Amino acid sequence: MGDIKLILLNKELPDRELHNSRLFIDLSENIHIHHRELRLMFGVEEFFEFTSIVCRGAKEIKRYLKKHPEYKEQEIFDGILVAGGRQQQLTSLKQSPKPHQSKYFPDRLQIELQEEKVIDTIHIHYRDYRLVMNIETFREFVGGMKSALGNLEKFLADHDYDENLHSFRRVVSTEQWSQARNTWWRRLEARIKNKMKKLLWKLKAKTDMGR
């Protein structure tokens, strides 16, 4: 969830085409997850990291729902962090070239008209995502984007808008974040081990004195 300041566009799109009703994975020049019109692209290690988090999250959500049968969709909007919790939310990806860069096409924006034999006419590539649609939907999509951009520019011309420096945005923008975090954990682990050794040494000394 976000915190909406202004709706730049709200319109109804044509129905999805029937073939955009599937979820499947293919291994090609890399690994693709297809869900309806969206395709996600992964390197092998990125894929296993992604699926590991999703599988763990699914197990935790099932446990949560079993303990909380009162949960109802569209009634609770608290952002319950059950799938990995706060720790997972604050953990950057580790199997990509950089936490914020995918292995394939991290900076690409490309829009393609496909050959007539291809089932999806328009391909929109945004970084390592691909969104597909037919010409009718593409016209609606682009028209909507133009309207949204116009509404945004008009709003910015009449209002001050200064993005807050969110603490997590600042953290993930630092390339050394993972290294610093791991260093902190290693130092904490070392301190705990050192304290445990001292405690065990004191207990051993007391035991020897009592003999």
C-alpha atoms as a PDB file:
ATOM      1  CA  MET A   1       0.000   0.000   0.000  1.00  0.00           C
ATOM      2  CA  GLY A   2       0.967   3.610  -0.446  1.00  0.00           C
ATOM      3  CA  ASP A   3      -0.474   6.904   0.715  1.00  0.00           C
ATOM      4  CA  ILE A   4      -2.187   8.487  -2.298  1.00  0.00           C
ATOM      5  CA  LYS A   5      -1.780  12.250  -2.648  1.00  0.00           C
ATOM      6  CA  LEU A   6      -3.377  12.601  -6.086  1.00  0.00           C
ATOM      7  CA  ILE A   7      -4.852  10.125  -8.582  1.00  0.00           C
ATOM      8  CA  LEU A   8      -3.280  11.076 -11.905  1.00  0.00           C
ATOM      9  CA  LEU A   9      -5.452   8.682 -13.907  1.00  0.00           C
ATOM     10  CA  ASN A  10      -8.217   6.166 -13.315  1.00  0.00           C
ATOM     11  CA  LYS A  11      -9.731   4.466 -16.323  1.00  0.00           C
ATOM     12  CA  GLU A  12     -11.101   1.079 -17.334  1.00  0.00           C
ATOM     13  CA  LEU A  13      -9.118  -1.039 -19.771  1.00  0.00           C
ATOM     14  CA  PRO A  14     -10.475  -3.554 -22.304  1.00  0.00           C
ATOM     15  CA  ASP A  15     -10.726  -7.136 -21.041  1.00  0.00           C
ATOM     16  CA  ARG A  16      -7.595  -9.252 -21.000  1.00  0.00           C
ATOM     17  CA  GLU A  17      -7.167 -11.560 -23.937  1.00  0.00           C
ATOM     18  CA  LEU A  18      -8.037 -15.144 -23.045  1.00  0.00           C
ATOM     19  CA  HIS A  19      -4.489 -16.475 -23.433  1.00  0.00           C
ATOM     20  CA  ASN A  20      -3.329 -14.061 -20.688  1.00  0.00           C
ATOM     21  CA  SER A  21      -4.779 -16.373 -18.067  1.00  0.00           C
ATOM     22  CA  ARG A  22      -1.745 -18.522 -17.277  1.00  0.00           C
ATOM     23  CA  LEU A  23       1.147 -18.822 -14.860  1.00  0.00           C
ATOM     24  CA  PHE A  24       4.173 -20.789 -16.063  1.00  0.00           C
ATOM     25  CA  ILE A  25       7.971 -20.814 -15.999  1.00  0.00           C
ATOM     26  CA  ASP A  26      10.316 -21.453 -18.892  1.00  0.00           C
ATOM     27  CA  LEU A  27      14.057 -21.950 -19.144  1.00  0.00           C
ATOM     28  CA  SER A  28      15.337 -20.198 -22.249  1.00  0.00           C
ATOM     29  CA  GLU A  29      18.328 -17.848 -22.644  1.00  0.00           C
ATOM     30  CA  ASN A  30      17.527 -17.181 -18.975  1.00  0.00           C
ATOM     31  CA  ILE A  31      14.591 -18.002 -16.699  1.00  0.00           C
ATOM     32  CA  HIS A  32      11.163 -16.455 -17.274  1.00  0.00           C
ATOM     33  CA  ILE A  33       8.141 -16.395 -14.988  1.00  0.00           C
ATOM     34  CA  HIS A  34       4.994 -15.605 -16.994  1.00  0.00           C
ATOM     35  CA  HIS A  35       1.971 -14.389 -15.033  1.00  0.00           C
ATOM     36  CA  ARG A  36      -0.895 -13.111 -17.167  1.00  0.00           C
ATOM     37  CA  GLU A  37       0.577 -10.245 -19.264  1.00  0.00           C
ATOM     38  CA  LEU A  38       3.701  -9.875 -17.157  1.00  0.00           C
ATOM     39  CA  ARG A  39       7.013 -11.672 -17.624  1.00  0.00           C
ATOM     40  CA  LEU A  40       9.783 -11.539 -15.044  1.00  0.00           C
ATOM     41  CA  MET A  41      13.330 -12.353 -16.120  1.00  0.00           C
ATOM     42  CA  PHE A  42      15.990 -13.918 -13.880  1.00  0.00           C
ATOM     43  CA  GLY A  43      19.486 -15.285 -13.942  1.00  0.00           C
ATOM     44  CA  VAL A  44      19.664 -18.788 -12.436  1.00  0.00           C
ATOM     45  CA  GLU A  45      20.859 -17.687  -8.998  1.00  0.00           C
ATOM     46  CA  GLU A  46      18.427 -14.752  -8.967  1.00  0.00           C
ATOM     47  CA  PHE A  47      15.597 -17.198  -9.710  1.00  0.00           C
ATOM     48  CA  PHE A  48      16.492 -19.519  -6.839  1.00  0.00           C
ATOM     49  CA  GLU A  49      16.742 -16.575  -4.444  1.00  0.00           C
ATOM     50  CA  PHE A  50      13.333 -15.310  -5.588  1.00  0.00           C
ATOM     51  CA  THR A  51      11.611 -18.695  -5.308  1.00  0.00           C
ATOM     52  CA  SER A  52      13.218 -19.405  -1.926  1.00  0.00           C
ATOM     53  CA  ILE A  53      11.735 -16.216  -0.487  1.00  0.00           C
ATOM     54  CA  VAL A  54       8.332 -16.858  -2.096  1.00  0.00           C
ATOM     55  CA  CYS A  55       8.179 -20.473  -0.858  1.00  0.00           C
ATOM     56  CA  ARG A  56       9.155 -19.460   2.666  1.00  0.00           C
ATOM     57  CA  GLY A  57       6.621 -16.659   2.554  1.00  0.00           C
ATOM     58  CA  ALA A  58       3.853 -19.015   1.408  1.00  0.00           C
ATOM     59  CA  LYS A  59       4.526 -21.329   4.365  1.00  0.00           C
ATOM     60  CA  GLU A  60       4.471 -18.447   6.836  1.00  0.00           C
ATOM     61  CA  ILE A  61       1.267 -17.013   5.376  1.00  0.00           C
ATOM     62  CA  LYS A  62      -0.428 -20.434   5.641  1.00  0.00           C
ATOM     63  CA  ARG A  63       0.636 -20.652   9.310  1.00  0.00           C
ATOM     64  CA  TYR A  64      -0.623 -17.134   9.969  1.00  0.00           C
ATOM     65  CA  LEU A  65      -4.001 -17.794   8.339  1.00  0.00           C
ATOM     66  CA  LYS A  66      -4.397 -21.006  10.322  1.00  0.00           C
ATOM     67  CA  LYS A  67      -3.844 -19.079  13.556  1.00  0.00           C
ATOM     68  CA  HIS A  68      -5.986 -16.129  12.454  1.00  0.00           C
ATOM     69  CA  PRO A  69      -9.106 -17.495  10.725  1.00  0.00           C
ATOM     70  CA  GLU A  70     -10.746 -14.105  11.254  1.00  0.00           C
ATOM     71  CA  TYR A  71      -8.566 -12.587   8.524  1.00  0.00           C
ATOM     72  CA  LYS A  72     -10.580 -11.311   5.552  1.00  0.00           C
ATOM     73  CA  GLU A  73      -9.225  -9.884   2.308  1.00  0.00           C
ATOM     74  CA  GLN A  74     -10.005  -6.206   1.698  1.00  0.00           C
ATOM     75  CA  GLU A  75     -10.793  -5.690   5.400  1.00  0.00           C
ATOM     76  CA  ILE A  76      -7.326  -5.515   6.957  1.00  0.00           C
ATOM     77  CA  PHE A  77      -4.901  -2.929   5.571  1.00  0.00           C
ATOM     78  CA  ASP A  78      -2.188  -2.988   8.227  1.00  0.00           C
ATOM     79  CA  GLY A  79       0.574  -4.463   6.052  1.00  0.00           C
ATOM     80  CA  ILE A  80       1.152  -7.502   8.269  1.00  0.00           C
ATOM     81  CA  LEU A  81       4.744  -8.590   7.714  1.00  0.00           C
ATOM     82  CA  VAL A  82       4.336 -12.355   8.068  1.00  0.00           C
ATOM     83  CA  ALA A  83       6.292 -13.561   5.026  1.00  0.00           C
ATOM     84  CA  GLY A  84       9.799 -13.159   6.392  1.00  0.00           C
ATOM     85  CA  GLY A  85       8.777 -10.263   8.564  1.00  0.00           C
ATOM     86  CA  ARG A  86      10.703  -7.066   9.085  1.00  0.00           C
ATOM     87  CA  GLN A  87      14.015  -8.859   8.602  1.00  0.00           C
ATOM     88  CA  GLN A  88      13.152  -9.900   5.045  1.00  0.00           C
ATOM     89  CA  GLN A  89      11.800  -6.439   4.240  1.00  0.00           C
ATOM     90  CA  LEU A  90      15.138  -4.908   5.239  1.00  0.00           C
ATOM     91  CA  THR A  91      17.274  -7.528   3.492  1.00  0.00           C
ATOM     92  CA  SER A  92      18.653  -6.668   0.076  1.00  0.00           C
ATOM     93  CA  LEU A  93      18.944  -9.188  -2.742  1.00  0.00           C
ATOM     94  CA  LYS A  94      22.260 -11.031  -2.777  1.00  0.00           C
ATOM     95  CA  GLN A  95      22.349 -12.955  -6.072  1.00  0.00           C
ATOM     96  CA  SER A  96      22.298 -10.014  -8.482  1.00  0.00           C
ATOM     97  CA  PRO A  97      25.297  -8.001  -9.719  1.00  0.00           C
ATOM     98  CA  LYS A  98      24.207  -5.297  -7.252  1.00  0.00           C
ATOM     99  CA  PRO A  99      21.207  -5.417  -4.897  1.00  0.00           C
ATOM    100  CA  HIS A 100      19.340  -2.825  -6.988  1.00  0.00           C
ATOM    101  CA  GLN A 101      20.468  -4.088 -10.405  1.00  0.00           C
ATOM    102  CA  SER A 102      19.149  -7.184 -12.140  1.00  0.00           C
ATOM    103  CA  LYS A 103      21.489  -9.459 -14.073  1.00  0.00           C
ATOM    104  CA  TYR A 104      19.711  -8.795 -17.366  1.00  0.00           C
ATOM    105  CA  PHE A 105      18.612  -5.420 -18.786  1.00  0.00           C
ATOM    106  CA  PRO A 106      18.712  -3.329 -15.587  1.00  0.00           C
ATOM    107  CA  ASP A 107      18.291  -0.025 -17.477  1.00  0.00           C
ATOM    108  CA  ARG A 108      16.267  -0.885 -20.594  1.00  0.00           C
ATOM    109  CA  LEU A 109      13.090   0.733 -21.829  1.00  0.00           C
ATOM    110  CA  GLN A 110      12.016  -0.658 -25.200  1.00  0.00           C
ATOM    111  CA  ILE A 111       8.622  -0.942 -26.920  1.00  0.00           C
ATOM    112  CA  GLU A 112       8.206  -3.396 -29.803  1.00  0.00           C
ATOM    113  CA  LEU A 113       5.643  -4.217 -32.467  1.00  0.00           C
ATOM    114  CA  GLN A 114       5.842  -7.961 -33.015  1.00  0.00           C
ATOM    115  CA  GLU A 115       5.504  -9.933 -36.221  1.00  0.00           C
ATOM    116  CA  GLU A 116       1.923 -10.895 -37.084  1.00  0.00           C
ATOM    117  CA  LYS A 117       2.546 -14.541 -36.104  1.00  0.00           C
ATOM    118  CA  VAL A 118       3.344 -13.604 -32.468  1.00  0.00           C
ATOM    119  CA  ILE A 119       0.407 -14.013 -30.088  1.00  0.00           C
ATOM    120  CA  ASP A 120       1.049 -10.722 -28.247  1.00  0.00           C
ATOM    121  CA  THR A 121       1.259  -7.729 -30.598  1.00  0.00           C
ATOM    122  CA  ILE A 122       2.991  -5.152 -28.364  1.00  0.00           C
ATOM    123  CA  HIS A 123       5.890  -5.865 -26.003  1.00  0.00           C
ATOM    124  CA  ILE A 124       6.865  -3.206 -23.454  1.00  0.00           C
ATOM    125  CA  HIS A 125      10.237  -3.921 -21.843  1.00  0.00           C
ATOM    126  CA  TYR A 126      10.828  -1.987 -18.620  1.00  0.00           C
ATOM    127  CA  ARG A 127      14.179  -3.051 -17.158  1.00  0.00           C
ATOM    128  CA  ASP A 128      13.909  -6.829 -16.631  1.00  0.00           C
ATOM    129  CA  TYR A 129      10.095  -6.839 -16.822  1.00  0.00           C
ATOM    130  CA  ARG A 130       8.029  -7.360 -19.940  1.00  0.00           C
ATOM    131  CA  LEU A 131       4.412  -6.311 -20.293  1.00  0.00           C
ATOM    132  CA  VAL A 132       2.398  -7.474 -23.313  1.00  0.00           C
ATOM    133  CA  MET A 133      -0.857  -6.244 -24.835  1.00  0.00           C
ATOM    134  CA  ASN A 134      -2.781  -5.951 -28.067  1.00  0.00           C
ATOM    135  CA  ILE A 135      -3.028  -2.748 -30.114  1.00  0.00           C
ATOM    136  CA  GLU A 136      -6.387  -1.682 -28.656  1.00  0.00           C
ATOM    137  CA  THR A 137      -5.096  -1.938 -25.082  1.00  0.00           C
ATOM    138  CA  PHE A 138      -1.805  -0.274 -26.043  1.00  0.00           C
ATOM    139  CA  ARG A 139      -3.677   2.769 -27.372  1.00  0.00           C
ATOM    140  CA  GLU A 140      -5.626   3.007 -24.124  1.00  0.00           C
ATOM    141  CA  PHE A 141      -2.446   2.508 -22.092  1.00  0.00           C
ATOM    142  CA  VAL A 142      -0.420   5.184 -23.916  1.00  0.00           C
ATOM    143  CA  GLY A 143      -3.334   7.619 -23.928  1.00  0.00           C
ATOM    144  CA  GLY A 144      -3.705   7.105 -20.205  1.00  0.00           C
ATOM    145  CA  MET A 145       0.004   7.702 -19.622  1.00  0.00           C
ATOM    146  CA  LYS A 146      -0.138  10.953 -21.618  1.00  0.00           C
ATOM    147  CA  SER A 147      -3.096  12.132 -19.556  1.00  0.00           C
ATOM    148  CA  ALA A 148      -1.379  11.141 -16.307  1.00  0.00           C
ATOM    149  CA  LEU A 149       1.789  13.007 -17.292  1.00  0.00           C
ATOM    150  CA  GLY A 150      -0.231  16.110 -18.162  1.00  0.00           C
ATOM    151  CA  ASN A 151      -2.037  15.970 -14.821  1.00  0.00           C
ATOM    152  CA  LEU A 152       1.267  15.520 -13.003  1.00  0.00           C
ATOM    153  CA  GLU A 153       2.903  18.483 -14.729  1.00  0.00           C
ATOM    154  CA  LYS A 154      -0.120  20.656 -13.969  1.00  0.00           C
ATOM    155  CA  PHE A 155      -0.050  19.654 -10.310  1.00  0.00           C
ATOM    156  CA  LEU A 156       3.703  20.294  -9.986  1.00  0.00           C
ATOM    157  CA  ALA A 157       3.304  23.717 -11.597  1.00  0.00           C
ATOM    158  CA  ASP A 158       0.783  24.736  -8.924  1.00  0.00           C
ATOM    159  CA  HIS A 159       2.122  22.932  -5.842  1.00  0.00           C
ATOM    160  CA  ASP A 160       5.392  22.338  -4.016  1.00  0.00           C
ATOM    161  CA  TYR A 161       6.309  18.665  -3.904  1.00  0.00           C
ATOM    162  CA  ASP A 162       9.492  17.663  -2.080  1.00  0.00           C
ATOM    163  CA  GLU A 163      10.064  13.916  -1.721  1.00  0.00           C
ATOM    164  CA  ASN A 164      10.923  12.909   1.813  1.00  0.00           C
ATOM    165  CA  LEU A 165      14.222  11.122   2.257  1.00  0.00           C
ATOM    166  CA  HIS A 166      12.812   7.803   3.397  1.00  0.00           C
ATOM    167  CA  SER A 167      15.258   5.998   5.656  1.00  0.00           C
ATOM    168  CA  PHE A 168      15.103   2.775   3.616  1.00  0.00           C
ATOM    169  CA  ARG A 169      15.637   4.644   0.339  1.00  0.00           C
ATOM    170  CA  ARG A 170      18.826   6.073   1.813  1.00  0.00           C
ATOM    171  CA  VAL A 171      19.989   2.657   2.975  1.00  0.00           C
ATOM    172  CA  VAL A 172      19.396   0.725  -0.247  1.00  0.00           C
ATOM    173  CA  SER A 173      20.986   3.459  -2.350  1.00  0.00           C
ATOM    174  CA  THR A 174      24.328   2.762  -0.632  1.00  0.00           C
ATOM    175  CA  GLU A 175      26.289   0.059  -2.457  1.00  0.00           C
ATOM    176  CA  GLN A 176      28.142  -0.886   0.720  1.00  0.00           C
ATOM    177  CA  TRP A 177      24.876  -1.533   2.589  1.00  0.00           C
ATOM    178  CA  SER A 178      25.038  -5.321   2.487  1.00  0.00           C
ATOM    179  CA  GLN A 179      28.706  -5.354   3.393  1.00  0.00           C
ATOM    180  CA  ALA A 180      28.153  -2.990   6.314  1.00  0.00           C
ATOM    181  CA  ARG A 181      25.159  -4.995   7.519  1.00  0.00           C
ATOM    182  CA  ASN A 182      27.066  -8.263   7.354  1.00  0.00           C
ATOM    183  CA  THR A 183      30.021  -6.665   9.140  1.00  0.00           C
ATOM    184  CA  TRP A 184      27.708  -5.482  11.920  1.00  0.00           C
ATOM    185  CA  TRP A 185      26.257  -8.963  12.336  1.00  0.00           C
ATOM    186  CA  ARG A 186      29.716 -10.521  12.383  1.00  0.00           C
ATOM    187  CA  ARG A 187      30.845  -8.085  15.076  1.00  0.00           C
ATOM    188  CA  LEU A 188      27.725  -8.778  17.118  1.00  0.00           C
ATOM    189  CA  GLU A 189      28.257 -12.524  16.728  1.00  0.00           C
ATOM    190  CA  ALA A 190      31.885 -12.170  17.797  1.00  0.00           C
ATOM    191  CA  ARG A 191      30.899 -10.164  20.905  1.00  0.00           C
ATOM    192  CA  ILE A 192      28.288 -12.745  21.870  1.00  0.00           C
ATOM    193  CA  LYS A 193      30.771 -15.590  21.419  1.00  0.00           C
ATOM    194  CA  ASN A 194      33.363 -13.717  23.482  1.00  0.00           C
ATOM    195  CA  LYS A 195      30.878 -13.133  26.294  1.00  0.00           C
ATOM    196  CA  MET A 196      29.833 -16.780  26.207  1.00  0.00           C
ATOM    197  CA  LYS A 197      33.468 -17.888  26.447  1.00  0.00           C
ATOM    198  CA  LYS A 198      34.038 -15.629  29.464  1.00  0.00           C
ATOM    199  CA  LEU A 199      30.856 -16.884  31.116  1.00  0.00           C
ATOM    200  CA  LEU A 200      31.815 -20.512  30.526  1.00  0.00           C
ATOM    201  CA  TRP A 201      35.311 -19.810  31.842  1.00  0.00           C
ATOM    202  CA  LYS A 202      33.872 -18.283  35.040  1.00  0.00           C
ATOM    203  CA  LEU A 203      31.512 -21.211  35.520  1.00  0.00           C
ATOM    204  CA  LYS A 204      34.379 -23.657  35.019  1.00  0.00           C
ATOM    205  CA  ALA A 205      36.527 -21.742  37.500  1.00  0.00           C
ATOM    206  CA  LYS A 206      33.778 -21.825  40.134  1.00  0.00           C
ATOM    207  CA  THR A 207      33.260 -25.536  39.538  1.00  0.00           C
ATOM    208  CA  ASP A 208      37.002 -26.225  39.957  1.00  0.00           C
ATOM    209  CA  MET A 209      37.120 -24.208  43.166  1.00  0.00           C
ATOM    210  CA  GLY A 210      34.223 -26.173  44.616  1.00  0.00           C
ATOM    211  CA  ARG A 211      35.935 -29.482  44.131  1.00  0.00           C
END
